[in-house]
Each structure stands twice: as structure tokens, then as C-alpha cells.
């Protein structure tokens, strides 16, 4: 930039960028099972056993990922924030399933992971629009009706419904 120094710093937090804080109000982001823990002194982010994580390999930009695992723990699906499926993980127990059962399980969990990522998009947009002065309720309605982005609560209910019907013995 012709020798001029830019004051932009990608490590700034939203509050450091002049974005007003939420004043103690709960945000739509709180409805997601996502948090980004601080990096400890040894570089560990503490991503064990949470539904989303940051892929911080040196070869590509950081990405927020959303993983959902079925109650038996046999299949996990991971989607990026844009809803694209990044990874399917299978446990050795899947050998007891037929090919059609496994295919259906992968399809269902991939759909749920995608919906969870889309709900994160919804929550992020609502929060940013609120910080810009827009009404949260109006923004949420617009995102669900006009853009088809489900709310985090809608996806949470969808996951509960799917798990309750597919795995009834796990929820009794």
C-alpha cells in the first residue's frame, strides 16, 4: 500500500473494532453449541468433545467446522460454515450395518451437520445485523422465510426429533 501502514489487525476482537457490545443481552450465537476457546500457552485450543472446531492447519485458512455424531457413535459428519460436508468418520462398529443402513445414516447425519452449519450462518448474520442497529426479530424472520436459513433453535429441535425417532432406545 505504497508504504502506508494499515491499522487493520486480524487478531482484533469485535469489541476492539468499535462494534458495540451486546450490553449483557443473550445473542443468537449463544444458542449454538459452539465456542472458540482461547489458545493456551502451549498452543492448545481445547477442542476436545465439542461440536465445532477451528481447522488451524498451516496450509489453509482457519475454518469453523460443525460435527454431529449419532448416539451410537458409529457415524460422524462434519460440515464447514457454508454447509459443505468436509468429512465423514466411521467407527469400526459400522461393519454390523448393511450398506443401505450405512448410506442412510451418512445421508441423515450429513444433512444434520449441514443444517447446524446453516444455523450458525443465521446466528452470525442476526448478531451482526443487531450490532448494526437492526431488529433481531425482523432479521430472524427474514433469514428463515426469505433465505431459508434455519435458526439454531429450529435445528436443535430437528436434531432432537431425528434422534428421538431413529434411536428411541437411546432416549428413554
Protein backbone atom coordinates (compact mmCIF):
# COMPACT_ATOMS: atom_id res chain seq x y z
CA UNK A 1 0.00 0.00 0.00
CA UNK A 2 2.71 2.47 -1.04
CA UNK A 3 4.47 2.44 2.29
CA UNK A 4 1.43 3.44 4.33
CA UNK A 5 0.70 1.44 7.41
CA UNK A 6 -2.69 -0.13 7.77
CA UNK A 7 -4.19 -0.22 11.25
CA UNK A 8 -6.11 -3.39 10.42
CA UNK A 9 -5.19 -6.37 12.59
CA UNK A 10 -6.82 -9.74 12.01
CA UNK A 11 -6.44 -10.58 15.69
CA UNK A 12 -8.82 -7.82 16.81
CA UNK A 13 -11.95 -8.90 18.58
CA UNK A 14 -15.28 -7.33 17.51
CA UNK A 15 -15.30 -5.10 20.60
CA UNK A 16 -11.84 -3.84 19.61
CA UNK A 17 -13.15 -2.88 16.17
CA UNK A 18 -15.63 -0.36 17.52
CA UNK A 19 -18.62 -2.70 17.36
CA UNK A 20 -20.85 -2.08 20.37
CA UNK A 21 -21.09 -4.87 22.89
CA UNK A 22 -24.41 -6.59 23.49
CA UNK A 23 -24.90 -4.91 26.85
CA UNK A 24 -25.34 -8.23 28.63
CA UNK A 25 -28.15 -9.43 26.36
CA UNK A 26 -28.06 -13.02 25.15
CA UNK A 27 -27.25 -13.35 21.48
CA UNK A 28 -28.37 -15.88 18.90
CA UNK A 29 -24.80 -17.14 18.90
CA UNK A 30 -25.39 -18.42 22.43
CA UNK A 31 -27.92 -20.92 21.06
CA UNK A 32 -25.21 -22.71 19.10
CA UNK A 33 -23.14 -25.40 20.72
CA UNK A 34 -20.05 -23.54 19.57
CA UNK A 35 -17.34 -21.66 21.31
CA UNK A 36 -13.84 -20.76 20.37
CA UNK A 37 -11.62 -21.30 23.39
CA UNK A 38 -8.61 -19.15 23.94
CA UNK A 39 -5.29 -20.59 22.90
CA UNK A 40 -3.32 -21.76 25.92
CA UNK A 41 0.39 -21.11 26.37
CA UNK A 42 1.24 -24.46 24.75
CA UNK A 43 -0.91 -23.62 21.69
CA UNK A 44 -3.76 -25.99 22.58
CA UNK A 45 -7.22 -24.68 21.68
CA UNK A 46 -9.06 -27.21 23.89
CA UNK A 47 -11.27 -28.59 21.12
CA UNK A 48 -11.91 -31.96 22.73
CA UNK A 49 -15.54 -33.15 22.63
CA UNK A 50 -17.28 -30.08 21.23
CA UNK A 51 -19.46 -29.84 18.14
CA UNK A 52 -17.47 -27.22 16.28
CA UNK A 53 -13.82 -26.51 15.91
CA UNK A 54 -11.38 -24.38 14.02
CA UNK A 55 -9.23 -26.13 11.45
CA UNK A 56 -5.95 -24.33 12.02
CA UNK A 57 -3.55 -26.28 9.82
CA UNK A 58 -0.87 -24.06 8.35
CA UNK A 59 -1.69 -24.94 4.73
CA UNK A 60 -5.10 -23.27 4.56
CA UNK A 61 -7.14 -20.52 6.24
CA UNK A 62 -8.93 -21.23 9.51
CA UNK A 63 -12.39 -22.71 9.07
CA UNK A 64 -15.21 -23.15 11.53
CA UNK A 65 -16.46 -26.74 11.34
CA UNK A 66 -19.62 -28.35 12.73
CA UNK A 67 -19.62 -32.04 13.62
CA UNK A 68 -22.56 -34.18 14.57
CA UNK A 69 -22.32 -37.80 15.72
CA UNK A 70 -25.14 -40.28 16.03
CA UNK A 71 -25.94 -41.55 19.55
CA UNK A 72 -24.37 -45.00 18.96
CA UNK A 73 -21.16 -43.20 17.94
CA UNK A 74 -20.84 -45.08 14.66
CA UNK A 75 -21.04 -42.19 12.17
CA UNK A 76 -19.93 -38.55 12.40
CA UNK A 77 -20.41 -35.87 9.75
CA UNK A 78 -18.53 -32.57 9.64
CA UNK A 79 -19.67 -29.52 7.67
CA UNK A 80 -18.00 -26.17 7.14
CA UNK A 81 -19.77 -22.90 7.87
CA UNK A 82 -21.07 -22.73 4.30
CA UNK A 83 -22.79 -26.11 4.75
CA UNK A 84 -20.45 -28.20 2.62
CA UNK A 85 -19.65 -31.62 4.04
CA UNK A 86 -15.94 -31.80 4.79
CA UNK A 87 -15.59 -35.22 6.36
CA UNK A 88 -17.47 -38.39 7.28
CA UNK A 89 -15.97 -40.54 10.02
CA UNK A 90 -16.98 -44.15 10.60
CA UNK A 91 -16.28 -46.30 13.63
CA UNK A 92 -15.37 -49.97 13.28
CA UNK A 93 -18.89 -50.82 14.52
CA UNK A 94 -20.36 -49.85 11.12
CA UNK A 95 -19.39 -53.30 9.84
CA UNK A 96 -22.52 -54.59 11.59
CA UNK A 97 -24.68 -52.33 9.39
CA UNK A 98 -25.87 -53.15 5.89
CA UNK A 99 -24.73 -50.92 3.04
CA UNK A 100 -28.16 -49.35 2.75
CA UNK A 101 -28.34 -48.70 6.52
CA UNK A 102 -24.90 -47.09 6.44
CA UNK A 103 -25.77 -44.99 3.39
CA UNK A 104 -28.96 -43.76 5.07
CA UNK A 105 -27.11 -42.98 8.31
CA UNK A 106 -24.43 -41.00 6.47
CA UNK A 107 -27.09 -39.11 4.49
CA UNK A 108 -29.10 -38.22 7.61
CA UNK A 109 -26.09 -37.10 9.64
CA UNK A 110 -24.61 -35.12 6.74
CA UNK A 111 -27.95 -33.32 6.41
CA UNK A 112 -28.00 -32.52 10.12
CA UNK A 113 -24.39 -31.27 10.06
CA UNK A 114 -25.26 -29.05 7.09
CA UNK A 115 -28.30 -27.68 8.92
CA UNK A 116 -26.22 -26.98 12.02
CA UNK A 117 -23.74 -25.01 9.90
CA UNK A 118 -26.56 -23.08 8.22
CA UNK A 119 -27.98 -22.27 11.68
CA UNK A 120 -24.59 -20.81 12.57
CA UNK A 121 -24.81 -18.61 9.47
CA UNK A 122 -28.24 -17.50 10.68
CA UNK A 123 -26.96 -16.68 14.16
CA UNK A 124 -23.93 -14.80 12.88
CA UNK A 125 -25.99 -12.69 10.50
CA UNK A 126 -28.57 -11.88 13.20
CA UNK A 127 -25.82 -10.83 15.60
CA UNK A 128 -24.03 -8.63 13.06
CA UNK A 129 -27.27 -7.03 11.91
CA UNK A 130 -28.24 -6.38 15.55
CA UNK A 131 -24.91 -4.65 16.08
CA UNK A 132 -25.68 -2.51 13.06
CA UNK A 133 -28.94 -1.45 14.69
CA UNK A 134 -31.43 -3.80 13.02
CA UNK A 135 -34.23 -5.52 14.95
CA UNK A 136 -33.30 -9.08 15.87
CA UNK A 137 -36.84 -10.46 15.41
CA UNK A 138 -37.26 -8.94 11.95
CA UNK A 139 -33.84 -10.18 10.84
CA UNK A 140 -34.52 -13.69 12.15
CA UNK A 141 -37.84 -13.84 10.33
CA UNK A 142 -36.31 -12.59 7.09
CA UNK A 143 -33.48 -15.13 7.25
CA UNK A 144 -35.84 -18.06 7.86
CA UNK A 145 -38.63 -17.09 5.46
CA UNK A 146 -36.79 -15.40 2.61
CA UNK A 147 -33.35 -17.02 2.67
CA UNK A 148 -34.26 -20.40 4.17
CA UNK A 149 -31.57 -20.22 6.88
CA UNK A 150 -32.86 -22.13 9.90
CA UNK A 151 -32.46 -20.69 13.38
CA UNK A 152 -30.26 -22.52 15.88
CA UNK A 153 -33.40 -23.40 17.87
CA UNK A 154 -35.06 -24.89 14.79
CA UNK A 155 -32.03 -27.07 14.09
CA UNK A 156 -31.70 -28.10 17.73
CA UNK A 157 -35.34 -29.23 17.64
CA UNK A 158 -34.78 -31.01 14.30
CA UNK A 159 -31.77 -32.91 15.68
CA UNK A 160 -33.76 -33.90 18.79
CA UNK A 161 -36.66 -35.09 16.62
CA UNK A 162 -34.44 -37.13 14.29
CA UNK A 163 -32.51 -38.69 17.15
CA UNK A 164 -35.70 -39.48 19.08
CA UNK A 165 -37.26 -41.25 16.09
CA UNK A 166 -34.12 -43.01 14.82
CA UNK A 167 -32.73 -44.04 18.21
CA UNK A 168 -35.73 -44.45 20.56
CA UNK A 169 -33.91 -46.74 22.99
CA UNK A 170 -31.17 -44.12 23.47
CA UNK A 171 -33.66 -41.50 24.72
CA UNK A 172 -35.75 -43.45 27.20
